[in-house]
């Protein structure tokens, strides 16, 4: 079972450290996740 590709966008604020694994990130989303102490990983 395959899922559709997911891209995280940088709208809004984040205040928790999250470990996120998706197909794509906007630059602002990656920056916000990492500034909150989380990680942003791209899956293929």
Protein backbone atom coordinates (compact mmCIF):
# COMPACT_ATOMS: atom_id res chain seq x y z
CA UNK A 1 0.00 0.00 0.00
CA UNK A 2 1.57 3.28 -1.15
CA UNK A 3 0.71 6.68 0.20
CA UNK A 4 0.76 9.99 -1.62
CA UNK A 5 3.89 12.15 -1.21
CA UNK A 6 3.66 14.61 1.67
CA UNK A 7 5.25 18.08 1.84
CA UNK A 8 5.40 20.15 5.02
CA UNK A 9 4.94 23.91 4.57
CA UNK A 10 6.14 26.65 6.91
CA UNK A 11 2.84 28.33 7.78
CA UNK A 12 2.21 28.74 11.50
CA UNK A 13 4.41 28.32 14.54
CA UNK A 14 5.96 25.30 16.25
CA UNK A 15 6.96 25.19 19.92
CA UNK A 16 7.74 21.49 20.41
CA UNK A 17 10.75 19.45 19.29
CA UNK A 18 9.40 17.06 16.65
CA UNK A 19 11.17 14.43 14.54
CA UNK A 20 9.50 14.68 11.13
CA UNK A 21 10.07 12.35 8.16
CA UNK A 22 8.25 13.27 4.95
CA UNK A 23 8.86 13.49 1.21
CA UNK A 24 9.60 17.25 1.12
CA UNK A 25 9.82 20.39 3.24
CA UNK A 26 9.66 24.07 2.38
CA UNK A 27 12.79 25.91 3.52
CA UNK A 28 10.81 27.79 6.16
CA UNK A 29 9.25 24.58 7.52
CA UNK A 30 12.64 22.88 7.88
CA UNK A 31 14.03 25.98 9.60
CA UNK A 32 11.13 26.21 12.08
CA UNK A 33 11.32 22.50 12.95
CA UNK A 34 15.08 22.66 13.56
CA UNK A 35 14.85 25.94 15.54
CA UNK A 36 12.34 24.24 17.85
CA UNK A 37 14.92 21.49 18.53
CA UNK A 38 13.47 18.88 16.19
CA UNK A 39 14.76 17.09 13.12
CA UNK A 40 13.53 17.22 9.53
CA UNK A 41 14.34 14.17 7.38
CA UNK A 42 13.40 13.55 3.75
CA UNK A 43 12.27 10.06 2.79
CA UNK A 44 12.41 8.70 -0.76
